[in-house]
Amino acid sequence: MSVKLYYSMPYETKWSTQIEEVIETENKFFVILKETAFYPEGGGQPADTGTIDGIDVLDVQIKNEQIYHLVERKPVNTHVECELNWNRRFDHMQQHTAQHLLSAVLEEQYNIPTVSFHLGKDYTTIDVDTPELNTEQIDKIEHICNTYIMKNLEIKTYFTTHEDVNKFPLRKLPKVTGAIRIVEIARIDFSACAGTHVQRTGELSNFKIVKTEKHRGQTRVFFLSGWRAIDDYQTSHSILDDLSNHFKTNKQQLQDRISKLELEKKAVNRELETLKAENNAFHAEQILAEHNEKVISLKFEEKTMKDLSTLAKYILQKSSLVILFSSEIDKKLLLQHNGEFPFHCGKLLRETIQEFEGKGGGNEILAQATFPSVQQLQACLKKLNVTLLNTL
């Protein structure tokens, strides 16, 4: 059984040890080390990565207290030099410790228990047993968490027995038996946890709740701490600077400027819709004047399918015809009539588009299809037009 250096020496990044066993199964190689600082996936925390004798460690898992290191290829030596991906490990230590702090503050201030924890690549989340958290609560939680960080409180870890675990004011009683590891944040939080953590809250640097979402009657809280929060701040600051320069205003007035632009955009859109309606009515009259056949088959390069649907509606209000339009910009086709023709639009379209890799369908009087290319669209349009002319 491997000695767990990640507990006794959580800041160790390089060490020498012996390979006790190499297991090959399904073209994969698993290494068992005499001592390991590689943390195995568990409790919501991802596995560490790094190298064993220069060979990449792809995953680390624990089963029946034995730690298995999945490596890229089979090691040659038995005495090996190991190196931990410290940036990844320290990030996990920061996020996991921040989760303990956040959960403690939620319990302390609002008696809200934490249900689950997940340490993701971009965000860390916890699900908490409350329907929602309002803005005032979020601001208060952030402030208290950052206050505890600035106090640089000591974080201690130690083991106790299952029989003695009730001596500690744990937020949640563990389900495991045997030796139980306790993580204590300077008397404000006691948790049973097997993860890795920093030694003082000051190492978290800062804490930020990014957003909350409702999730199965509970609330999912997304947060950042440590270097993740710093990187996020730098990115956000850069974006705000770029937007401020673009709109030629300072960051404080940026929101007002964007709100004003939104109002202007809505006014322009209303005017545009009015003009488009007038243009469609004029265009419909023009098409009717230029075509006296039963099938009006036209292709449009720039008009969208939404535009063509509106145009078809105008035409069918004025006359009883079959509409066959194509939108090259959307690579879509429209087939429509007012119900006075003896064919089913959806059925005819489905039968025809298969030859041209089209996808779509519809009902008796209206059908649409999408095509991989403009060439296939126009070929289908041509074939449909011939079929309709021969049928009608």
Protein backbone atom coordinates (compact mmCIF):
# COMPACT_ATOMS: atom_id res chain seq x y z
CA MET A 1 0.00 0.00 0.00
CA SER A 2 1.47 3.37 -1.05
CA VAL A 3 2.53 5.94 1.54
CA LYS A 4 0.29 8.98 0.96
CA LEU A 5 2.69 11.91 0.75
CA TYR A 6 -0.16 14.19 -0.32
CA TYR A 7 -1.34 14.00 3.29
CA SER A 8 1.95 14.12 5.18
CA MET A 9 3.75 16.46 2.72
CA PRO A 10 1.04 18.27 0.68
CA TYR A 11 3.52 20.80 -0.75
CA GLU A 12 5.98 18.15 -2.01
CA THR A 13 6.48 18.39 -5.78
CA LYS A 14 9.48 16.10 -6.42
CA TRP A 15 10.48 12.81 -4.78
CA SER A 16 12.30 9.56 -5.42
CA THR A 17 10.65 6.20 -4.81
CA GLN A 18 10.37 2.58 -5.88
CA ILE A 19 7.87 1.07 -8.28
CA GLU A 20 6.30 -1.82 -6.42
CA GLU A 21 4.24 -3.16 -9.32
CA VAL A 22 3.33 -2.46 -12.93
CA ILE A 23 -0.04 -3.79 -14.08
CA GLU A 24 -0.78 -4.09 -17.80
CA THR A 25 -4.41 -4.47 -18.85
CA GLU A 26 -6.18 -3.65 -22.13
CA ASN A 27 -3.01 -1.99 -23.46
CA LYS A 28 -2.92 0.34 -20.44
CA PHE A 29 -0.18 0.54 -17.80
CA PHE A 30 -0.90 1.15 -14.12
CA VAL A 31 1.93 1.83 -11.69
CA ILE A 32 1.90 1.28 -7.92
CA LEU A 33 4.49 3.41 -6.08
CA LYS A 34 5.98 2.89 -2.64
CA GLU A 35 5.36 6.57 -1.85
CA THR A 36 3.14 8.91 -3.83
CA ALA A 37 2.24 12.59 -3.73
CA PHE A 38 -0.19 12.12 -6.63
CA TYR A 39 -3.69 12.69 -5.29
CA PRO A 40 -6.24 10.16 -6.63
CA GLU A 41 -9.58 11.40 -7.90
CA GLY A 42 -12.24 11.46 -5.21
CA GLY A 43 -14.64 13.54 -3.16
CA GLY A 44 -15.29 15.97 -6.00
CA GLN A 45 -11.58 16.69 -6.54
CA PRO A 46 -9.86 15.62 -9.81
CA ALA A 47 -6.69 13.53 -9.84
CA ASP A 48 -3.22 15.03 -9.96
CA THR A 49 -1.01 14.76 -13.02
CA GLY A 50 2.76 14.90 -13.52
CA THR A 51 5.51 12.46 -14.46
CA ILE A 52 7.03 9.20 -13.20
CA ASP A 53 10.59 8.84 -14.53
CA GLY A 54 9.69 11.32 -17.27
CA ILE A 55 6.55 9.38 -18.27
CA ASP A 56 3.29 11.33 -18.17
CA VAL A 57 0.81 10.41 -15.45
CA LEU A 58 -2.61 10.51 -17.14
CA ASP A 59 -4.86 9.61 -14.21
CA VAL A 60 -4.71 8.48 -10.59
CA GLN A 61 -7.38 6.34 -8.95
CA ILE A 62 -7.73 4.63 -5.58
CA LYS A 63 -9.40 1.25 -5.07
CA ASN A 64 -9.43 -0.74 -1.84
CA GLU A 65 -6.90 1.76 -0.43
CA GLN A 66 -4.44 0.97 -3.24
CA ILE A 67 -3.39 3.85 -5.50
CA TYR A 68 -3.09 3.20 -9.22
CA HIS A 69 -1.22 5.60 -11.53
CA LEU A 70 -2.21 5.37 -15.19
CA VAL A 71 0.91 6.21 -17.22
CA GLU A 72 1.49 6.88 -20.91
CA ARG A 73 3.85 3.93 -21.36
CA LYS A 74 5.47 1.17 -19.35
CA PRO A 75 8.38 2.34 -17.14
CA VAL A 76 11.78 0.74 -17.61
CA ASN A 77 13.35 1.48 -14.21
CA THR A 78 12.16 0.42 -10.79
CA HIS A 79 13.76 3.31 -8.91
CA VAL A 80 12.09 6.43 -10.30
CA GLU A 81 12.02 10.21 -9.98
CA CYS A 82 8.51 11.64 -9.68
CA GLU A 83 7.34 15.17 -10.30
CA LEU A 84 3.92 16.65 -9.59
CA ASN A 85 2.16 19.17 -11.83
CA TRP A 86 2.22 21.76 -9.06
CA ASN A 87 0.13 24.43 -10.78
CA ARG A 88 -2.73 21.96 -11.15
CA ARG A 89 -2.37 20.66 -7.58
CA PHE A 90 -2.19 24.11 -5.98
CA ASP A 91 -5.22 25.22 -7.99
CA HIS A 92 -7.14 22.22 -6.64
CA MET A 93 -5.95 23.00 -3.10
CA GLN A 94 -7.16 26.59 -3.44
CA GLN A 95 -10.56 25.68 -4.89
CA HIS A 96 -11.21 22.86 -2.43
CA THR A 97 -10.29 25.00 0.56
CA ALA A 98 -12.46 27.82 -0.79
CA GLN A 99 -15.34 25.36 -0.95
CA HIS A 100 -14.92 24.55 2.76
CA LEU A 101 -14.88 28.27 3.55
CA LEU A 102 -17.97 29.00 1.44
CA SER A 103 -19.92 26.08 2.91
CA ALA A 104 -18.97 27.16 6.43
CA VAL A 105 -20.17 30.73 5.81
CA LEU A 106 -23.46 29.51 4.30
CA GLU A 107 -24.08 27.41 7.42
CA GLU A 108 -22.92 30.17 9.76
CA GLN A 109 -25.00 32.97 8.25
CA TYR A 110 -28.09 31.28 6.82
CA ASN A 111 -28.07 27.68 8.10
CA ILE A 112 -27.89 26.47 4.47
CA PRO A 113 -26.24 23.04 4.11
CA THR A 114 -24.03 22.03 1.19
CA VAL A 115 -25.34 18.98 -0.68
CA SER A 116 -22.56 18.32 -3.23
CA PHE A 117 -19.27 19.68 -4.55
CA HIS A 118 -17.60 19.56 -7.97
CA LEU A 119 -14.20 20.95 -8.88
CA GLY A 120 -14.36 21.64 -12.63
CA LYS A 121 -11.82 22.86 -15.14
CA ASP A 122 -13.23 26.40 -15.34
CA TYR A 123 -15.41 26.76 -12.26
CA THR A 124 -15.95 25.10 -8.92
CA THR A 125 -19.56 24.50 -7.91
CA ILE A 126 -21.52 23.47 -4.88
CA ASP A 127 -25.20 22.57 -4.72
CA VAL A 128 -26.84 24.02 -1.61
CA ASP A 129 -30.19 23.16 -0.05
CA THR A 130 -32.09 26.38 -0.70
CA PRO A 131 -34.36 27.44 -3.60
CA GLU A 132 -32.31 30.59 -4.26
CA LEU A 133 -29.75 33.08 -2.99
CA ASN A 134 -30.55 36.76 -3.50
CA THR A 135 -28.06 39.50 -4.37
CA GLU A 136 -27.86 40.76 -0.80
CA GLN A 137 -27.03 37.28 0.51
CA ILE A 138 -24.39 36.70 -2.20
CA ASP A 139 -22.69 40.03 -1.44
CA LYS A 140 -22.63 39.25 2.28
CA ILE A 141 -21.29 35.71 1.73
CA GLU A 142 -18.49 37.03 -0.52
CA HIS A 143 -17.56 39.74 1.99
CA ILE A 144 -17.33 37.32 4.92
CA CYS A 145 -15.32 34.76 2.91
CA ASN A 146 -12.84 37.44 1.86
CA THR A 147 -12.66 38.71 5.44
CA TYR A 148 -11.65 35.24 6.64
CA ILE A 149 -9.09 35.06 3.83
CA MET A 150 -7.54 38.39 4.90
CA LYS A 151 -7.30 37.13 8.48
CA ASN A 152 -4.97 34.40 7.17
CA LEU A 153 -6.52 31.76 9.42
CA GLU A 154 -4.65 28.52 10.05
CA ILE A 155 -5.95 25.33 8.42
CA LYS A 156 -5.14 22.06 10.16
CA THR A 157 -5.67 18.46 9.11
CA TYR A 158 -5.61 15.43 11.39
CA PHE A 159 -7.11 11.96 11.74
CA THR A 160 -9.59 10.70 14.27
CA THR A 161 -11.44 7.46 14.81
CA HIS A 162 -15.02 6.69 13.90
CA GLU A 163 -15.80 6.37 17.61
CA ASP A 164 -14.42 9.85 18.39
CA VAL A 165 -15.80 11.72 15.39
CA ASN A 166 -18.77 13.04 17.38
CA LYS A 167 -16.35 15.10 19.48
CA PHE A 168 -15.98 17.47 16.51
CA PRO A 169 -18.69 19.94 15.39
CA LEU A 170 -18.72 18.62 11.84
CA ARG A 171 -20.97 20.23 9.25
CA LYS A 172 -21.84 16.75 7.97
CA LEU A 173 -21.22 13.36 9.54
CA PRO A 174 -19.13 11.04 7.32
CA LYS A 175 -20.50 7.74 6.06
CA VAL A 176 -17.12 5.99 6.13
CA THR A 177 -15.74 4.00 9.03
CA GLY A 178 -12.19 3.58 10.28
CA ALA A 179 -9.75 6.48 10.34
CA ILE A 180 -11.47 9.78 9.45
CA ARG A 181 -9.54 12.83 8.30
CA ILE A 182 -10.64 16.19 9.68
CA VAL A 183 -9.96 19.55 8.02
CA GLU A 184 -10.27 22.46 10.45
CA ILE A 185 -10.27 26.15 9.55
CA ALA A 186 -9.27 27.93 12.76
CA ARG A 187 -12.31 26.86 14.77
CA ILE A 188 -14.83 28.26 12.22
CA ASP A 189 -15.21 25.01 10.28
CA PHE A 190 -14.70 21.31 10.88
CA SER A 191 -15.17 18.95 7.94
CA ALA A 192 -14.47 15.30 7.31
CA CYS A 193 -12.56 15.42 4.03
CA ALA A 194 -9.93 13.41 2.16
CA GLY A 195 -8.93 16.20 -0.25
CA THR A 196 -5.86 18.45 -0.36
CA HIS A 197 -5.95 21.96 1.10
CA VAL A 198 -3.77 25.00 1.67
CA GLN A 199 -2.31 25.65 5.13
CA ARG A 200 -3.69 29.16 5.68
CA THR A 201 -6.69 31.01 4.27
CA GLY A 202 -4.42 33.80 3.02
CA GLU A 203 -3.16 31.43 0.31
CA LEU A 204 -6.62 31.69 -1.30
CA SER A 205 -5.89 35.37 -2.06
CA ASN A 206 -9.54 36.18 -2.86
CA PHE A 207 -12.99 34.70 -3.41
CA LYS A 208 -15.74 35.46 -5.92
CA ILE A 209 -19.19 33.99 -6.57
CA VAL A 210 -19.59 34.11 -10.35
CA LYS A 211 -23.24 33.11 -10.65
CA THR A 212 -26.01 30.93 -9.22
CA GLU A 213 -28.50 28.65 -10.97
CA LYS A 214 -31.60 26.80 -9.86
CA HIS A 215 -30.98 23.07 -9.98
CA ARG A 216 -33.54 20.41 -9.03
CA GLY A 217 -35.13 22.54 -6.33
CA GLN A 218 -31.74 23.59 -4.96
CA THR A 219 -29.21 26.27 -5.91
CA ARG A 220 -25.95 25.64 -7.74
CA VAL A 221 -23.26 28.18 -6.80
CA PHE A 222 -20.37 28.82 -9.22
CA PHE A 223 -17.28 30.36 -7.63
CA LEU A 224 -13.60 31.15 -8.16
CA SER A 225 -10.72 31.56 -5.76
CA GLY A 226 -6.96 32.03 -5.85
CA TRP A 227 -5.27 32.22 -9.24
CA ARG A 228 -8.53 31.36 -11.00
CA ALA A 229 -10.17 34.47 -9.55
CA ILE A 230 -7.13 36.62 -10.40
CA ASP A 231 -7.08 35.34 -14.00
CA ASP A 232 -10.81 35.98 -14.29
CA TYR A 233 -10.40 39.52 -12.96
CA GLN A 234 -7.58 40.23 -15.43
CA THR A 235 -9.68 38.93 -18.33
CA SER A 236 -12.75 40.91 -17.24
CA HIS A 237 -10.66 44.06 -16.73
CA SER A 238 -9.18 43.72 -20.23
CA ILE A 239 -12.63 43.26 -21.77
CA LEU A 240 -13.99 46.31 -19.93
CA ASP A 241 -11.03 48.40 -21.06
CA ASP A 242 -11.56 47.36 -24.68
CA LEU A 243 -15.30 48.13 -24.48
CA SER A 244 -14.66 51.49 -22.80
CA ASN A 245 -12.19 52.45 -25.53
CA HIS A 246 -14.57 51.25 -28.24
CA PHE A 247 -17.50 53.30 -26.90
CA LYS A 248 -15.22 56.18 -25.87
CA THR A 249 -16.48 56.25 -22.30
CA ASN A 250 -15.24 55.22 -18.86
CA LYS A 251 -16.14 51.93 -17.20
CA GLN A 252 -18.57 53.56 -14.79
CA GLN A 253 -20.68 54.95 -17.65
CA LEU A 254 -20.39 51.89 -19.88
CA GLN A 255 -23.61 50.27 -18.65
CA ASP A 256 -25.62 53.45 -19.33
CA ARG A 257 -24.09 53.70 -22.80
CA ILE A 258 -25.00 50.09 -23.65
CA SER A 259 -28.56 50.56 -22.30
CA LYS A 260 -28.95 53.61 -24.55
CA LEU A 261 -27.70 51.62 -27.54
CA GLU A 262 -30.20 48.84 -26.76
CA LEU A 263 -33.07 51.36 -26.81
CA GLU A 264 -31.81 52.80 -30.09
CA LYS A 265 -31.52 49.30 -31.56
CA LYS A 266 -35.13 48.48 -30.62
CA ALA A 267 -36.34 51.68 -32.27
CA VAL A 268 -34.35 50.90 -35.43
CA ASN A 269 -35.68 47.32 -35.48
CA ARG A 270 -39.27 48.55 -35.23
CA GLU A 271 -38.69 50.93 -38.11
CA LEU A 272 -36.97 48.17 -40.09
CA GLU A 273 -39.88 45.76 -39.59
CA THR A 274 -42.30 48.40 -40.83
CA LEU A 275 -40.18 49.04 -43.92
CA LYS A 276 -39.76 45.32 -44.58
CA ALA A 277 -43.52 44.80 -44.36
CA GLU A 278 -44.08 47.58 -46.87
CA ASN A 279 -41.35 46.18 -49.12
CA ASN A 280 -42.81 42.64 -48.94
CA ALA A 281 -46.25 43.95 -49.88
CA PHE A 282 -44.80 45.81 -52.87
CA HIS A 283 -42.65 42.81 -53.84
CA ALA A 284 -45.67 40.48 -53.65
CA GLU A 285 -47.65 42.73 -55.98
CA GLN A 286 -44.68 42.86 -58.36
CA ILE A 287 -44.34 39.06 -58.41
CA LEU A 288 -48.06 38.60 -59.09
CA ALA A 289 -47.89 41.09 -61.93
CA GLU A 290 -44.96 39.30 -63.54
CA HIS A 291 -46.19 35.69 -63.14
CA ASN A 292 -49.43 34.17 -64.38
CA GLU A 293 -48.52 30.49 -63.99
CA LYS A 294 -49.87 28.28 -61.19
CA VAL A 295 -46.39 27.68 -59.70
CA ILE A 296 -44.22 30.62 -58.72
CA SER A 297 -40.67 29.23 -58.48
CA LEU A 298 -38.05 31.81 -57.44
CA LYS A 299 -34.60 31.78 -55.87
CA PHE A 300 -33.32 34.57 -53.61
CA GLU A 301 -29.67 35.14 -52.75
CA GLU A 302 -30.00 37.49 -49.78
CA LYS A 303 -33.47 36.98 -48.32
CA THR A 304 -33.75 34.74 -45.27
CA MET A 305 -36.35 32.01 -44.85
CA LYS A 306 -38.21 34.30 -42.44
CA ASP A 307 -38.40 36.95 -45.18
CA LEU A 308 -39.62 34.38 -47.73
CA SER A 309 -42.32 33.07 -45.37
CA THR A 310 -43.66 36.59 -44.96
CA LEU A 311 -43.53 37.21 -48.70
CA ALA A 312 -45.36 33.94 -49.41
CA LYS A 313 -48.05 34.90 -46.91
CA TYR A 314 -48.66 38.20 -48.74
CA ILE A 315 -48.92 36.44 -52.13
CA LEU A 316 -51.33 33.75 -50.91
CA GLN A 317 -53.59 36.41 -49.43
CA LYS A 318 -53.98 37.84 -52.93
CA SER A 319 -54.20 34.69 -55.06
CA SER A 320 -54.39 30.90 -55.21
CA LEU A 321 -50.93 29.74 -56.31
CA VAL A 322 -48.19 27.28 -55.40
CA ILE A 323 -45.16 28.98 -53.85
CA LEU A 324 -41.72 27.43 -54.36
CA PHE A 325 -39.00 29.70 -52.97
CA SER A 326 -35.33 29.12 -52.09
CA SER A 327 -33.10 31.14 -49.72
CA GLU A 328 -29.45 30.79 -50.69
CA ILE A 329 -28.26 32.61 -47.57
CA ASP A 330 -30.00 30.00 -45.37
CA LYS A 331 -29.72 27.12 -47.87
CA LYS A 332 -33.43 26.46 -47.32
CA LEU A 333 -36.46 25.78 -49.51
CA LEU A 334 -40.13 26.70 -48.99
CA LEU A 335 -43.10 24.92 -50.56
CA GLN A 336 -46.55 26.30 -49.78
CA HIS A 337 -50.12 26.68 -51.06
CA ASN A 338 -53.46 27.76 -49.57
CA GLY A 339 -55.12 24.32 -49.53
CA GLU A 340 -56.80 24.51 -52.92
CA PHE A 341 -54.32 22.15 -54.62
CA PRO A 342 -54.56 18.33 -54.55
CA PHE A 343 -51.12 17.51 -53.14
CA HIS A 344 -49.51 17.28 -49.72
CA CYS A 345 -46.55 19.73 -49.42
CA GLY A 346 -44.78 17.80 -46.68
CA LYS A 347 -45.06 14.43 -48.40
CA LEU A 348 -43.91 15.75 -51.80
CA LEU A 349 -40.98 17.60 -50.25
CA ARG A 350 -39.79 14.60 -48.22
CA GLU A 351 -39.91 12.36 -51.30
CA THR A 352 -37.85 14.82 -53.36
CA ILE A 353 -35.18 16.10 -50.94
CA GLN A 354 -33.68 12.67 -50.20
CA GLU A 355 -31.87 12.70 -53.55
CA PHE A 356 -30.20 16.00 -52.61
CA GLU A 357 -29.31 15.20 -48.94
CA GLY A 358 -31.95 17.61 -47.73
CA LYS A 359 -33.61 17.46 -44.32
CA GLY A 360 -37.08 18.71 -43.55
CA GLY A 361 -40.80 18.13 -43.89
CA GLY A 362 -44.10 19.78 -43.13
CA ASN A 363 -47.87 19.51 -43.33
CA GLU A 364 -50.38 19.50 -46.16
CA ILE A 365 -50.06 23.18 -47.10
CA LEU A 366 -46.58 24.18 -45.83
CA ALA A 367 -43.17 22.47 -45.87
CA GLN A 368 -39.52 23.51 -45.52
CA ALA A 369 -36.15 21.83 -46.07
CA THR A 370 -32.47 22.57 -45.43
CA PHE A 371 -29.57 21.50 -47.69
CA PRO A 372 -25.82 21.03 -47.23
CA SER A 373 -25.03 23.28 -50.20
CA VAL A 374 -26.57 25.94 -52.45
CA GLN A 375 -26.00 23.67 -55.46
CA GLN A 376 -28.09 20.89 -53.91
CA LEU A 377 -30.74 23.41 -52.92
CA GLN A 378 -31.10 24.76 -56.45
CA ALA A 379 -31.08 21.28 -58.01
CA CYS A 380 -33.93 20.25 -55.73
CA LEU A 381 -35.80 23.49 -56.53
CA LYS A 382 -35.51 22.72 -60.25
CA LYS A 383 -36.74 19.14 -59.87
CA LEU A 384 -39.66 20.17 -57.66
CA ASN A 385 -40.67 22.84 -60.16
CA VAL A 386 -40.76 20.27 -63.01
CA THR A 387 -42.75 17.82 -60.87
CA LEU A 388 -45.32 20.47 -59.92
CA LEU A 389 -45.74 21.72 -63.49
CA ASN A 390 -46.29 18.16 -64.74
CA THR A 391 -48.71 17.42 -61.91
CA LEU A 392 -50.78 20.60 -62.06
